[in-house]
Amino acid sequence: MSSQGLTIAEAAEALGLSERTIRRQIKSGKIKAELVLGRYGAEYRISGPGETAVARPRVDKAPASTLDKAPTFALDKTLDKTPASALDKAIDKTLDKALDMVKALQQEKAELYAQVAYWQAQFQHLEEQVKLLTEAKRPWWRRWLSRRR
């Protein structure tokens, strides 16, 4: 870290975000930074990790295999005072809703894949038609001259 503050790369590494995200958050005002003259021109410097108001903490991405499992939901604090059986019912209800949402999203994903495949086939067909139309043909005047001979 330099004496002027963190560079965008250093802030991204410290916060576990990409440099692009840091730039977006600077632009939106979520992170306060100032433009200073750097080695290769103007560059942003962030005062310190304590002063950056990042909208969200670092979240590690889940592996693709866990996407098929039911998501977890945070329960209300009011459920802490309810009996265990009521809490179990609330959890079951939440899990059922989550599974229904996952099934609906999987169905929508399958429909979108079918639409993408259809439009790719249409695009390929149109490309072939354009290629046929733009192929070099004999000009009309050559055909006309060949008849006169």
N, C-alpha and C. Protein backbone atom coordinates (compact mmCIF):
# COMPACT_ATOMS: atom_id res chain seq x y z
N MET A 1 0.84 -1.18 0.00
CA MET A 1 0.00 0.00 0.00
C MET A 1 0.88 1.23 0.00
N SER A 2 0.54 2.18 -0.85
CA SER A 2 1.32 3.41 -0.91
C SER A 2 0.83 4.39 0.14
N SER A 3 1.55 5.50 0.29
CA SER A 3 1.18 6.48 1.31
C SER A 3 -0.07 7.25 0.94
N GLN A 4 -0.46 7.22 -0.34
CA GLN A 4 -1.64 7.96 -0.78
C GLN A 4 -2.92 7.16 -0.63
N GLY A 5 -2.86 5.90 -0.36
CA GLY A 5 -4.05 5.07 -0.22
C GLY A 5 -3.95 3.84 -1.11
N LEU A 6 -5.03 3.10 -1.13
CA LEU A 6 -5.06 1.86 -1.90
C LEU A 6 -5.35 2.13 -3.38
N THR A 7 -4.69 1.38 -4.24
CA THR A 7 -5.06 1.42 -5.66
C THR A 7 -6.31 0.57 -5.82
N ILE A 8 -6.89 0.62 -7.01
CA ILE A 8 -8.08 -0.18 -7.26
C ILE A 8 -7.77 -1.67 -7.14
N ALA A 9 -6.62 -2.07 -7.64
CA ALA A 9 -6.23 -3.49 -7.56
C ALA A 9 -6.06 -3.92 -6.11
N GLU A 10 -5.41 -3.09 -5.30
CA GLU A 10 -5.20 -3.44 -3.88
C GLU A 10 -6.52 -3.50 -3.13
N ALA A 11 -7.42 -2.55 -3.41
CA ALA A 11 -8.73 -2.55 -2.75
C ALA A 11 -9.54 -3.78 -3.16
N ALA A 12 -9.46 -4.15 -4.44
CA ALA A 12 -10.18 -5.32 -4.91
C ALA A 12 -9.69 -6.58 -4.21
N GLU A 13 -8.38 -6.69 -4.06
CA GLU A 13 -7.81 -7.85 -3.39
C GLU A 13 -8.20 -7.87 -1.91
N ALA A 14 -8.16 -6.70 -1.27
CA ALA A 14 -8.49 -6.63 0.15
C ALA A 14 -9.95 -6.96 0.42
N LEU A 15 -10.83 -6.56 -0.49
CA LEU A 15 -12.26 -6.76 -0.29
C LEU A 15 -12.77 -8.05 -0.93
N GLY A 16 -11.93 -8.71 -1.72
CA GLY A 16 -12.36 -9.95 -2.36
C GLY A 16 -13.32 -9.70 -3.52
N LEU A 17 -13.22 -8.56 -4.16
CA LEU A 17 -14.07 -8.21 -5.29
C LEU A 17 -13.20 -8.02 -6.52
N SER A 18 -13.84 -7.90 -7.68
CA SER A 18 -13.07 -7.66 -8.89
C SER A 18 -12.77 -6.17 -9.02
N GLU A 19 -11.75 -5.85 -9.82
CA GLU A 19 -11.40 -4.45 -10.05
C GLU A 19 -12.57 -3.72 -10.71
N ARG A 20 -13.26 -4.42 -11.58
CA ARG A 20 -14.40 -3.81 -12.27
C ARG A 20 -15.50 -3.43 -11.28
N THR A 21 -15.74 -4.28 -10.30
CA THR A 21 -16.75 -3.98 -9.27
C THR A 21 -16.33 -2.77 -8.46
N ILE A 22 -15.05 -2.70 -8.11
CA ILE A 22 -14.56 -1.54 -7.36
C ILE A 22 -14.76 -0.27 -8.17
N ARG A 23 -14.45 -0.31 -9.46
CA ARG A 23 -14.65 0.87 -10.32
C ARG A 23 -16.12 1.27 -10.37
N ARG A 24 -17.01 0.27 -10.50
CA ARG A 24 -18.45 0.57 -10.53
C ARG A 24 -18.90 1.21 -9.22
N GLN A 25 -18.38 0.70 -8.10
CA GLN A 25 -18.80 1.25 -6.81
C GLN A 25 -18.21 2.64 -6.58
N ILE A 26 -17.05 2.90 -7.14
CA ILE A 26 -16.51 4.26 -7.06
C ILE A 26 -17.39 5.20 -7.86
N LYS A 27 -17.77 4.77 -9.05
CA LYS A 27 -18.59 5.59 -9.93
C LYS A 27 -19.96 5.86 -9.31
N SER A 28 -20.53 4.87 -8.64
CA SER A 28 -21.85 5.05 -8.03
C SER A 28 -21.78 5.77 -6.68
N GLY A 29 -20.57 5.96 -6.15
CA GLY A 29 -20.42 6.68 -4.88
C GLY A 29 -20.42 5.80 -3.65
N LYS A 30 -20.45 4.48 -3.82
CA LYS A 30 -20.45 3.59 -2.67
C LYS A 30 -19.07 3.51 -2.03
N ILE A 31 -18.04 3.76 -2.83
CA ILE A 31 -16.68 3.81 -2.31
C ILE A 31 -16.14 5.20 -2.61
N LYS A 32 -15.58 5.84 -1.60
CA LYS A 32 -15.02 7.17 -1.78
C LYS A 32 -13.57 7.03 -2.22
N ALA A 33 -13.24 7.69 -3.32
CA ALA A 33 -11.89 7.64 -3.86
C ALA A 33 -11.59 8.99 -4.49
N GLU A 34 -10.31 9.29 -4.60
CA GLU A 34 -9.93 10.55 -5.23
C GLU A 34 -8.96 10.27 -6.36
N LEU A 35 -9.02 11.11 -7.37
CA LEU A 35 -8.13 10.99 -8.51
C LEU A 35 -6.81 11.67 -8.17
N VAL A 36 -5.71 10.95 -8.32
CA VAL A 36 -4.39 11.52 -8.08
C VAL A 36 -3.53 11.24 -9.31
N LEU A 37 -2.48 12.02 -9.45
CA LEU A 37 -1.58 11.83 -10.56
C LEU A 37 -0.65 10.66 -10.23
N GLY A 38 -0.73 9.63 -11.04
CA GLY A 38 0.08 8.43 -10.82
C GLY A 38 1.22 8.36 -11.82
N ARG A 39 1.83 7.22 -11.85
CA ARG A 39 2.99 7.02 -12.71
C ARG A 39 2.63 7.12 -14.20
N TYR A 40 1.44 6.64 -14.57
CA TYR A 40 1.03 6.63 -15.97
C TYR A 40 -0.15 7.57 -16.23
N GLY A 41 -0.42 8.49 -15.34
CA GLY A 41 -1.52 9.42 -15.51
C GLY A 41 -2.42 9.41 -14.29
N ALA A 42 -3.63 9.89 -14.45
CA ALA A 42 -4.58 9.97 -13.33
C ALA A 42 -5.05 8.57 -12.94
N GLU A 43 -5.11 8.31 -11.65
CA GLU A 43 -5.61 7.04 -11.15
C GLU A 43 -6.33 7.27 -9.83
N TYR A 44 -7.25 6.36 -9.52
CA TYR A 44 -8.01 6.47 -8.28
C TYR A 44 -7.20 5.93 -7.12
N ARG A 45 -7.35 6.58 -5.97
CA ARG A 45 -6.77 6.11 -4.71
C ARG A 45 -7.87 6.07 -3.67
N ILE A 46 -7.96 4.97 -2.96
CA ILE A 46 -8.97 4.78 -1.93
C ILE A 46 -8.27 4.95 -0.60
N SER A 47 -8.88 5.75 0.28
CA SER A 47 -8.23 6.13 1.53
C SER A 47 -7.85 4.96 2.40
N GLY A 48 -8.70 3.99 2.54
CA GLY A 48 -8.39 2.83 3.38
C GLY A 48 -9.57 1.89 3.44
N PRO A 49 -9.33 0.64 3.83
CA PRO A 49 -10.42 -0.32 3.85
C PRO A 49 -11.49 0.02 4.88
N GLY A 50 -11.15 0.74 5.93
CA GLY A 50 -12.15 1.11 6.93
C GLY A 50 -13.12 2.16 6.43
N GLU A 51 -12.69 2.97 5.47
CA GLU A 51 -13.53 4.05 4.98
C GLU A 51 -14.31 3.68 3.74
N THR A 52 -14.09 2.50 3.19
CA THR A 52 -14.84 2.10 1.99
C THR A 52 -16.18 1.56 2.42
N ALA A 53 -17.21 2.12 1.84
CA ALA A 53 -18.56 1.67 2.16
C ALA A 53 -19.03 0.74 1.06
N VAL A 54 -18.59 -0.49 1.13
CA VAL A 54 -18.95 -1.46 0.10
C VAL A 54 -20.34 -1.99 0.40
N ALA A 55 -21.12 -2.16 -0.65
CA ALA A 55 -22.51 -2.56 -0.48
C ALA A 55 -22.67 -3.97 0.08
N ARG A 56 -21.75 -4.86 -0.29
CA ARG A 56 -21.91 -6.24 0.18
C ARG A 56 -20.56 -6.82 0.55
N PRO A 57 -20.52 -7.73 1.51
CA PRO A 57 -19.26 -8.38 1.86
C PRO A 57 -18.90 -9.43 0.83
N ARG A 58 -17.71 -9.98 0.95
CA ARG A 58 -17.26 -11.02 0.03
C ARG A 58 -18.10 -12.27 0.21
N VAL A 59 -18.51 -12.83 -0.91
CA VAL A 59 -19.29 -14.06 -0.90
C VAL A 59 -18.56 -15.04 -1.78
N ASP A 60 -18.20 -16.20 -1.22
CA ASP A 60 -17.55 -17.22 -2.02
C ASP A 60 -18.61 -17.89 -2.89
N LYS A 61 -18.27 -18.13 -4.13
CA LYS A 61 -19.22 -18.74 -5.05
C LYS A 61 -19.34 -20.22 -4.74
N ALA A 62 -20.58 -20.70 -4.81
CA ALA A 62 -20.84 -22.10 -4.54
C ALA A 62 -20.50 -22.92 -5.77
N PRO A 63 -20.03 -24.14 -5.58
CA PRO A 63 -19.79 -24.99 -6.74
C PRO A 63 -21.10 -25.30 -7.46
N ALA A 64 -21.01 -25.62 -8.73
CA ALA A 64 -22.21 -25.84 -9.54
C ALA A 64 -23.05 -27.01 -9.01
N SER A 65 -22.44 -27.98 -8.37
CA SER A 65 -23.18 -29.14 -7.90
C SER A 65 -24.15 -28.78 -6.77
N THR A 66 -23.92 -27.71 -6.05
CA THR A 66 -24.82 -27.34 -4.96
C THR A 66 -26.01 -26.55 -5.44
N LEU A 67 -26.04 -26.18 -6.73
CA LEU A 67 -27.16 -25.40 -7.24
C LEU A 67 -28.44 -26.22 -7.30
N ASP A 68 -28.34 -27.55 -7.39
CA ASP A 68 -29.51 -28.39 -7.47
C ASP A 68 -30.16 -28.61 -6.10
N LYS A 69 -29.44 -28.30 -5.04
CA LYS A 69 -29.98 -28.49 -3.69
C LYS A 69 -30.86 -27.29 -3.32
N ALA A 70 -31.70 -27.49 -2.32
CA ALA A 70 -32.60 -26.42 -1.89
C ALA A 70 -31.81 -25.29 -1.25
N PRO A 71 -32.16 -24.04 -1.55
CA PRO A 71 -31.46 -22.91 -0.94
C PRO A 71 -31.83 -22.75 0.53
N THR A 72 -30.99 -22.09 1.27
CA THR A 72 -31.28 -21.82 2.67
C THR A 72 -31.86 -20.43 2.80
N PHE A 73 -32.77 -20.25 3.73
CA PHE A 73 -33.41 -18.97 3.97
C PHE A 73 -33.25 -18.59 5.43
N ALA A 74 -33.12 -17.31 5.68
CA ALA A 74 -33.06 -16.83 7.06
C ALA A 74 -34.49 -16.70 7.57
N LEU A 75 -34.73 -17.22 8.76
CA LEU A 75 -36.07 -17.16 9.34
C LEU A 75 -36.22 -15.90 10.19
N ASP A 76 -37.46 -15.46 10.34
CA ASP A 76 -37.73 -14.27 11.15
C ASP A 76 -37.35 -14.50 12.60
N LYS A 77 -37.08 -13.40 13.31
CA LYS A 77 -36.76 -13.50 14.73
C LYS A 77 -37.98 -13.88 15.55
N THR A 78 -39.18 -13.65 15.00
CA THR A 78 -40.41 -14.02 15.72
C THR A 78 -40.53 -15.52 15.86
N LEU A 79 -39.88 -16.28 14.99
CA LEU A 79 -39.97 -17.73 15.07
C LEU A 79 -39.15 -18.30 16.21
N ASP A 80 -38.23 -17.48 16.75
CA ASP A 80 -37.41 -17.96 17.87
C ASP A 80 -38.26 -18.25 19.10
N LYS A 81 -39.40 -17.58 19.24
CA LYS A 81 -40.24 -17.73 20.42
C LYS A 81 -41.30 -18.81 20.25
N THR A 82 -41.41 -19.39 19.06
CA THR A 82 -42.45 -20.39 18.81
C THR A 82 -41.96 -21.77 19.22
N PRO A 83 -42.88 -22.69 19.48
CA PRO A 83 -42.48 -24.06 19.85
C PRO A 83 -41.77 -24.75 18.68
N ALA A 84 -41.07 -25.81 18.99
CA ALA A 84 -40.26 -26.52 18.00
C ALA A 84 -41.12 -27.06 16.85
N SER A 85 -42.32 -27.56 17.16
CA SER A 85 -43.16 -28.12 16.09
C SER A 85 -43.59 -27.03 15.11
N ALA A 86 -43.90 -25.87 15.61
CA ALA A 86 -44.28 -24.76 14.73
C ALA A 86 -43.08 -24.31 13.90
N LEU A 87 -41.92 -24.33 14.52
CA LEU A 87 -40.70 -23.97 13.80
C LEU A 87 -40.40 -24.98 12.70
N ASP A 88 -40.61 -26.27 12.99
CA ASP A 88 -40.42 -27.31 11.97
C ASP A 88 -41.39 -27.11 10.81
N LYS A 89 -42.63 -26.76 11.13
CA LYS A 89 -43.63 -26.53 10.08
C LYS A 89 -43.22 -25.34 9.22
N ALA A 90 -42.73 -24.28 9.86
CA ALA A 90 -42.31 -23.10 9.11
C ALA A 90 -41.13 -23.42 8.21
N ILE A 91 -40.20 -24.22 8.71
CA ILE A 91 -39.04 -24.61 7.90
C ILE A 91 -39.48 -25.47 6.73
N ASP A 92 -40.39 -26.43 6.98
CA ASP A 92 -40.89 -27.29 5.91
C ASP A 92 -41.60 -26.47 4.84
N LYS A 93 -42.39 -25.50 5.30
CA LYS A 93 -43.13 -24.64 4.36
C LYS A 93 -42.15 -23.83 3.51
N THR A 94 -41.13 -23.29 4.15
CA THR A 94 -40.13 -22.50 3.43
C THR A 94 -39.37 -23.37 2.43
N LEU A 95 -39.01 -24.58 2.84
CA LEU A 95 -38.30 -25.49 1.94
C LEU A 95 -39.18 -25.90 0.76
N ASP A 96 -40.48 -26.14 1.02
CA ASP A 96 -41.39 -26.48 -0.07
C ASP A 96 -41.48 -25.35 -1.08
N LYS A 97 -41.56 -24.11 -0.58
CA LYS A 97 -41.60 -22.96 -1.49
C LYS A 97 -40.31 -22.87 -2.29
N ALA A 98 -39.20 -23.09 -1.62
CA ALA A 98 -37.91 -23.01 -2.30
C ALA A 98 -37.79 -24.08 -3.37
N LEU A 99 -38.23 -25.30 -3.07
CA LEU A 99 -38.18 -26.38 -4.06
C LEU A 99 -39.09 -26.09 -5.24
N ASP A 100 -40.26 -25.52 -4.97
CA ASP A 100 -41.16 -25.14 -6.05
C ASP A 100 -40.52 -24.08 -6.94
N MET A 101 -39.85 -23.12 -6.32
CA MET A 101 -39.17 -22.08 -7.10
C MET A 101 -38.06 -22.68 -7.94
N VAL A 102 -37.30 -23.61 -7.39
CA VAL A 102 -36.21 -24.25 -8.12
C VAL A 102 -36.77 -25.02 -9.31
N LYS A 103 -37.85 -25.77 -9.09
CA LYS A 103 -38.46 -26.52 -10.20
C LYS A 103 -38.96 -25.59 -11.29
N ALA A 104 -39.60 -24.48 -10.90
CA ALA A 104 -40.10 -23.51 -11.89
C ALA A 104 -38.94 -22.90 -12.68
N LEU A 105 -37.85 -22.58 -11.99
CA LEU A 105 -36.69 -22.01 -12.67
C LEU A 105 -36.03 -23.02 -13.61
N GLN A 106 -35.99 -24.27 -13.21
CA GLN A 106 -35.43 -25.31 -14.08
C GLN A 106 -36.28 -25.48 -15.33
N GLN A 107 -37.61 -25.42 -15.17
CA GLN A 107 -38.52 -25.51 -16.32
C GLN A 107 -38.31 -24.32 -17.26
N GLU A 108 -38.20 -23.13 -16.69
CA GLU A 108 -37.98 -21.94 -17.49
C GLU A 108 -36.63 -22.01 -18.22
N LYS A 109 -35.63 -22.54 -17.55
CA LYS A 109 -34.31 -22.70 -18.16
C LYS A 109 -34.38 -23.64 -19.36
N ALA A 110 -35.11 -24.74 -19.24
CA ALA A 110 -35.26 -25.69 -20.34
C ALA A 110 -35.98 -25.03 -21.52
N GLU A 111 -37.01 -24.24 -21.23
CA GLU A 111 -37.72 -23.54 -22.30
C GLU A 111 -36.82 -22.53 -23.00
N LEU A 112 -36.00 -21.83 -22.24
CA LEU A 112 -35.10 -20.85 -22.83
C LEU A 112 -34.03 -21.53 -23.69
N TYR A 113 -33.53 -22.68 -23.24
CA TYR A 113 -32.56 -23.42 -24.05
C TYR A 113 -33.19 -23.81 -25.39
N ALA A 114 -34.46 -24.25 -25.37
CA ALA A 114 -35.14 -24.62 -26.61
C ALA A 114 -35.27 -23.41 -27.53
N GLN A 115 -35.59 -22.25 -26.96
CA GLN A 115 -35.70 -21.04 -27.78
C GLN A 115 -34.35 -20.65 -28.36
N VAL A 116 -33.31 -20.76 -27.59
CA VAL A 116 -31.96 -20.43 -28.09
C VAL A 116 -31.60 -21.36 -29.24
N ALA A 117 -31.88 -22.64 -29.10
CA ALA A 117 -31.56 -23.60 -30.16
C ALA A 117 -32.34 -23.26 -31.43
N TYR A 118 -33.60 -22.90 -31.29
CA TYR A 118 -34.43 -22.53 -32.44
C TYR A 118 -33.84 -21.31 -33.16
N TRP A 119 -33.51 -20.28 -32.39
CA TRP A 119 -33.00 -19.06 -33.01
C TRP A 119 -31.61 -19.26 -33.60
N GLN A 120 -30.82 -20.15 -33.03
CA GLN A 120 -29.52 -20.45 -33.63
C GLN A 120 -29.70 -21.14 -34.98
N ALA A 121 -30.67 -22.05 -35.06
CA ALA A 121 -30.94 -22.72 -36.33
C ALA A 121 -31.45 -21.72 -37.36
N GLN A 122 -32.32 -20.80 -36.94
CA GLN A 122 -32.82 -19.77 -37.85
C GLN A 122 -31.69 -18.89 -38.35
N PHE A 123 -30.82 -18.52 -37.46
CA PHE A 123 -29.69 -17.67 -37.83
C PHE A 123 -28.79 -18.38 -38.84
N GLN A 124 -28.51 -19.65 -38.59
CA GLN A 124 -27.67 -20.42 -39.50
C GLN A 124 -28.32 -20.53 -40.88
N HIS A 125 -29.63 -20.76 -40.91
CA HIS A 125 -30.35 -20.84 -42.18
C HIS A 125 -30.27 -19.51 -42.94
N LEU A 126 -30.46 -18.41 -42.23
CA LEU A 126 -30.38 -17.10 -42.88
C LEU A 126 -28.97 -16.79 -43.36
N GLU A 127 -27.97 -17.21 -42.60
CA GLU A 127 -26.58 -17.03 -43.05
C GLU A 127 -26.33 -17.76 -44.35
N GLU A 128 -26.86 -18.98 -44.46
CA GLU A 128 -26.69 -19.75 -45.69
C GLU A 128 -27.38 -19.06 -46.86
N GLN A 129 -28.57 -18.51 -46.62
CA GLN A 129 -29.29 -17.80 -47.68
C GLN A 129 -28.52 -16.57 -48.14
N VAL A 130 -27.97 -15.82 -47.20
CA VAL A 130 -27.19 -14.63 -47.55
C VAL A 130 -25.96 -15.03 -48.35
N LYS A 131 -25.31 -16.11 -47.94
CA LYS A 131 -24.13 -16.58 -48.66
C LYS A 131 -24.49 -16.95 -50.10
N LEU A 132 -25.63 -17.61 -50.30
CA LEU A 132 -26.06 -17.97 -51.65
C LEU A 132 -26.37 -16.73 -52.49
N LEU A 133 -26.99 -15.74 -51.86
CA LEU A 133 -27.36 -14.54 -52.59
C LEU A 133 -26.17 -13.66 -52.95
N THR A 134 -25.13 -13.73 -52.14
CA THR A 134 -23.99 -12.84 -52.38
C THR A 134 -22.86 -13.51 -53.15
N GLU A 135 -23.02 -14.78 -53.51
CA GLU A 135 -21.99 -15.45 -54.28
C GLU A 135 -21.82 -14.75 -55.63
N ALA A 136 -20.62 -14.80 -56.14
CA ALA A 136 -20.32 -14.13 -57.41
C ALA A 136 -21.06 -14.82 -58.54
N LYS A 137 -21.90 -14.07 -59.24
CA LYS A 137 -22.62 -14.57 -60.40
C LYS A 137 -22.06 -13.87 -61.64
N ARG A 138 -22.32 -14.44 -62.78
CA ARG A 138 -21.89 -13.79 -64.01
C ARG A 138 -22.72 -12.54 -64.21
N PRO A 139 -22.08 -11.42 -64.51
CA PRO A 139 -22.83 -10.20 -64.76
C PRO A 139 -23.72 -10.35 -66.00
N TRP A 140 -24.78 -9.56 -66.06
CA TRP A 140 -25.75 -9.66 -67.15
C TRP A 140 -25.11 -9.39 -68.50
N TRP A 141 -24.14 -8.49 -68.51
CA TRP A 141 -23.55 -8.12 -69.79
C TRP A 141 -22.67 -9.24 -70.34
N ARG A 142 -22.08 -10.08 -69.47
CA ARG A 142 -21.30 -11.22 -69.98
C ARG A 142 -22.23 -12.27 -70.59
N ARG A 143 -23.35 -12.49 -69.93
CA ARG A 143 -24.32 -13.42 -70.49
C ARG A 143 -24.81 -12.93 -71.85
N TRP A 144 -25.04 -11.64 -71.93
CA TRP A 144 -25.53 -11.05 -73.18
C TRP A 144 -24.48 -11.15 -74.29
N LEU A 145 -23.19 -10.89 -73.92
CA LEU A 145 -22.13 -11.00 -74.92
C LEU A 145 -21.91 -12.44 -75.36
N SER A 146 -22.06 -13.38 -74.47
CA SER A 146 -21.85 -14.79 -74.85
C SER A 146 -22.93 -15.27 -75.81
N ARG A 147 -24.11 -14.70 -75.78
CA ARG A 147 -25.18 -15.07 -76.69
C ARG A 147 -24.90 -14.55 -78.11
N ARG A 148 -24.25 -13.41 -78.20
CA ARG A 148 -24.02 -12.76 -79.49
C ARG A 148 -22.94 -13.47 -80.29
N ARG A 149 -22.11 -14.23 -79.69
CA ARG A 149 -21.01 -14.89 -80.40
C ARG A 149 -21.47 -16.03 -81.22
